[in-house]
C-alpha cells in the first residue's frame, strides 16, 4: 500500500530536529522529500494511464524492448539481461502477455531448445496506439521547463543518481544494525 504524504515537514520543524539529529541537512531533506512526493504523483498518474490501456509498467517495458528489436522479437535470456533480472522473473509477465494476445512464443530455428518472444499484430497495434499518448504525457510533464532548464535537470538527475549509488548496502546494513540494538 502506497501512502500519499501530503504534508511535508517545513524548514522550522526540520531545524528543530537538528538538536536531536545534528547531521540533518535541512535543505537536502526538504528537496529529497519533495522529489519523492513529485515522483509518486507522476507514477500515480502514469499508472492510471497504463491502466487505461490495460498495461502495467512491467508489461510496457517488455513490449517496448521487443518493439525495439529487429523483426520485433527477442530471446527471453536477452530480455532478462536487458532488464537486469533472471529469466524466471520475466516468465510470468511474458506468459500474461501471451495470454492477452500481445506476444507469441516462436521456435528458434537455430536452437530448438530456445524460443523467441515476438510481438503480435495486436501487441504492435497496442503500442502504436499507446505511444503517442505516452510521448504527449512526457511532453506535458516536462513542458514547463525551458531548454536550458532541461539541460540543467539532466545534470542534476545524474548527480542525484550518483548520490543514490553512494547509498551502499553497507549503509543500509548499518541502519538495520542500529534498529536492532
Protein backbone atom coordinates (compact mmCIF):
# COMPACT_ATOMS: atom_id res chain seq x y z
CA UNK A 1 0.00 0.00 0.00
CA UNK A 2 1.38 3.37 -1.03
CA UNK A 3 0.83 6.23 1.38
CA UNK A 4 0.47 9.68 -0.10
CA UNK A 5 2.31 12.17 2.10
CA UNK A 6 0.62 15.50 1.51
CA UNK A 7 2.10 17.47 4.38
CA UNK A 8 5.88 17.61 4.19
CA UNK A 9 7.89 18.83 7.18
CA UNK A 10 8.79 22.50 6.86
CA UNK A 11 12.14 24.18 7.49
CA UNK A 12 11.42 25.21 11.11
CA UNK A 13 10.40 21.66 12.05
CA UNK A 14 13.47 20.09 10.43
CA UNK A 15 15.67 22.73 12.03
CA UNK A 16 14.17 21.82 15.42
CA UNK A 17 15.06 18.17 14.74
CA UNK A 18 18.71 19.20 14.34
CA UNK A 19 19.12 19.36 18.13
CA UNK A 20 18.43 15.62 18.29
CA UNK A 21 19.90 14.71 14.86
CA UNK A 22 22.74 17.20 14.22
CA UNK A 23 23.74 15.63 10.89
CA UNK A 24 20.47 16.78 9.20
CA UNK A 25 20.99 18.94 6.13
CA UNK A 26 17.59 20.64 6.25
CA UNK A 27 17.58 21.78 2.62
CA UNK A 28 18.71 18.38 1.35
CA UNK A 29 15.97 16.64 3.33
CA UNK A 30 13.34 19.07 2.05
CA UNK A 31 14.46 18.58 -1.57
CA UNK A 32 14.58 14.81 -1.15
CA UNK A 33 11.06 14.64 0.33
CA UNK A 34 9.63 16.93 -2.36
CA UNK A 35 11.40 14.91 -5.07
CA UNK A 36 9.85 11.71 -3.67
CA UNK A 37 6.44 13.35 -3.46
CA UNK A 38 6.53 14.57 -7.07
CA UNK A 39 7.83 11.20 -8.26
CA UNK A 40 4.94 9.42 -6.54
CA UNK A 41 2.42 11.84 -8.06
CA UNK A 42 3.87 11.27 -11.52
CA UNK A 43 3.90 7.50 -11.01
CA UNK A 44 0.29 7.51 -9.81
CA UNK A 45 -0.81 9.41 -12.93
CA UNK A 46 1.31 7.21 -15.17
CA UNK A 47 -0.10 4.04 -13.58
CA UNK A 48 -3.62 5.35 -14.31
CA UNK A 49 -2.59 5.93 -17.93
CA UNK A 50 -1.21 2.38 -18.15
CA UNK A 51 -4.41 1.02 -16.63
CA UNK A 52 -6.49 2.80 -19.28
CA UNK A 53 -4.54 0.83 -21.90
CA UNK A 54 -4.66 -2.42 -19.85
CA UNK A 55 -0.91 -2.22 -19.26
CA UNK A 56 1.46 -2.12 -16.33
CA UNK A 57 4.89 -0.53 -16.31
CA UNK A 58 6.46 -4.01 -16.45
CA UNK A 59 4.33 -5.12 -19.41
CA UNK A 60 5.00 -1.86 -21.26
CA UNK A 61 8.75 -2.12 -20.64
CA UNK A 62 8.86 -5.66 -22.01
CA UNK A 63 6.73 -4.75 -25.02
CA UNK A 64 8.98 -1.78 -25.78
CA UNK A 65 12.15 -3.86 -25.52
CA UNK A 66 10.68 -6.33 -28.01
CA UNK A 67 9.46 -3.45 -30.23
CA UNK A 68 13.00 -2.04 -30.41
CA UNK A 69 14.38 -5.32 -31.77
CA UNK A 70 14.76 -6.13 -35.42
CA UNK A 71 11.67 -8.06 -36.52
CA UNK A 72 10.11 -7.27 -33.10
CA UNK A 73 11.34 -10.47 -31.46
CA UNK A 74 13.85 -11.37 -28.76
CA UNK A 75 15.19 -14.33 -26.79
CA UNK A 76 13.91 -14.42 -23.21
CA UNK A 77 17.50 -14.63 -21.94
CA UNK A 78 18.41 -11.40 -23.77
CA UNK A 79 15.26 -9.75 -22.47
CA UNK A 80 16.16 -10.75 -18.90
CA UNK A 81 19.70 -9.45 -19.41
CA UNK A 82 18.41 -6.10 -20.71
CA UNK A 83 16.22 -5.80 -17.61
CA UNK A 84 18.96 -6.90 -15.21
CA UNK A 85 16.90 -9.80 -13.89
CA UNK A 86 16.94 -13.58 -14.07
CA UNK A 87 14.91 -15.28 -16.78
CA UNK A 88 12.28 -16.72 -14.38
CA UNK A 89 11.48 -13.18 -13.24
CA UNK A 90 10.07 -12.24 -16.63
CA UNK A 91 8.40 -15.57 -17.35
CA UNK A 92 5.17 -14.68 -15.53
CA UNK A 93 4.88 -11.30 -17.24
CA UNK A 94 5.62 -12.81 -20.66
CA UNK A 95 3.03 -15.55 -20.03
CA UNK A 96 0.48 -12.85 -19.19
CA UNK A 97 1.34 -11.02 -22.41
CA UNK A 98 0.91 -14.30 -24.35
CA UNK A 99 -2.47 -14.88 -22.68
CA UNK A 100 -3.51 -11.32 -23.60
CA UNK A 101 -2.53 -11.96 -27.22
CA UNK A 102 0.15 -9.26 -27.23
CA UNK A 103 3.14 -11.56 -27.79
CA UNK A 104 3.71 -15.11 -29.01
CA UNK A 105 6.45 -17.62 -28.47
CA UNK A 106 8.21 -18.69 -31.66
CA UNK A 107 10.51 -21.64 -32.17
CA UNK A 108 14.14 -20.72 -32.68
CA UNK A 109 15.18 -22.31 -35.98
CA UNK A 110 18.88 -22.32 -34.94
CA UNK A 111 18.34 -23.80 -31.48
CA UNK A 112 15.23 -25.94 -30.99
CA UNK A 113 15.56 -25.67 -27.19
CA UNK A 114 15.10 -21.89 -27.27
CA UNK A 115 12.12 -19.76 -28.20
CA UNK A 116 11.75 -16.16 -29.28
CA UNK A 117 9.21 -13.79 -27.79
CA UNK A 118 7.62 -11.79 -30.62
CA UNK A 119 5.03 -9.03 -30.81
CA UNK A 120 1.70 -9.98 -32.33
CA UNK A 121 -0.26 -7.63 -34.58
CA UNK A 122 -2.41 -6.87 -31.53
CA UNK A 123 0.68 -6.08 -29.42
CA UNK A 124 2.10 -3.85 -32.14
CA UNK A 125 -1.25 -2.10 -32.53
CA UNK A 126 -1.50 -1.51 -28.77
CA UNK A 127 1.97 0.03 -28.67
CA UNK A 128 1.31 2.21 -31.71
CA UNK A 129 -1.91 3.41 -30.08
CA UNK A 130 -0.30 3.98 -26.68
CA UNK A 131 2.99 5.60 -27.73
CA UNK A 132 1.55 8.95 -28.93
CA UNK A 133 -0.24 9.28 -25.57
CA UNK A 134 2.94 8.25 -23.77
CA UNK A 135 5.02 10.89 -25.55
CA UNK A 136 2.35 13.56 -25.07
CA UNK A 137 2.35 12.74 -21.35
CA UNK A 138 6.14 13.19 -21.17
CA UNK A 139 5.85 16.45 -23.11
CA UNK A 140 3.18 17.71 -20.72
CA UNK A 141 5.13 16.80 -17.59
CA UNK A 142 8.34 18.41 -18.87
CA UNK A 143 6.64 21.15 -20.89
CA UNK A 144 7.09 23.87 -18.26
CA UNK A 145 10.88 23.56 -18.43
CA UNK A 146 12.90 25.67 -20.81
CA UNK A 147 15.59 24.05 -22.94
CA UNK A 148 18.22 25.38 -20.54
CA UNK A 149 16.32 24.08 -17.50
CA UNK A 150 16.05 20.65 -19.15
CA UNK A 151 19.81 20.57 -19.72
CA UNK A 152 20.37 21.54 -16.08
CA UNK A 153 17.83 18.95 -14.95
CA UNK A 154 19.74 16.23 -16.83
CA UNK A 155 22.91 17.21 -14.97
CA UNK A 156 21.10 17.33 -11.63
CA UNK A 157 19.46 13.93 -12.19
CA UNK A 158 22.88 12.41 -12.88
CA UNK A 159 24.17 13.89 -9.62
CA UNK A 160 21.16 12.51 -7.75
CA UNK A 161 21.78 9.11 -9.37
CA UNK A 162 25.40 9.27 -8.16
CA UNK A 163 24.20 10.10 -4.65
CA UNK A 164 21.80 7.17 -4.78
CA UNK A 165 24.65 4.90 -5.90
CA UNK A 166 26.60 6.09 -2.86
CA UNK A 167 23.84 4.72 -0.64
CA UNK A 168 25.68 1.45 -0.35
CA UNK A 169 24.44 -1.80 1.07
CA UNK A 170 26.90 -1.17 3.92
CA UNK A 171 24.96 1.97 4.92
CA UNK A 172 21.69 0.05 4.75
CA UNK A 173 23.17 -2.77 6.86
CA UNK A 174 24.43 -0.23 9.41
CA UNK A 175 20.94 1.25 9.64
CA UNK A 176 19.45 -2.20 10.19
CA UNK A 177 22.02 -2.93 12.92
CA UNK A 178 21.14 0.33 14.73
CA UNK A 179 17.48 -0.58 14.51
CA UNK A 180 18.15 -3.97 16.12
CA UNK A 181 20.17 -2.51 19.05
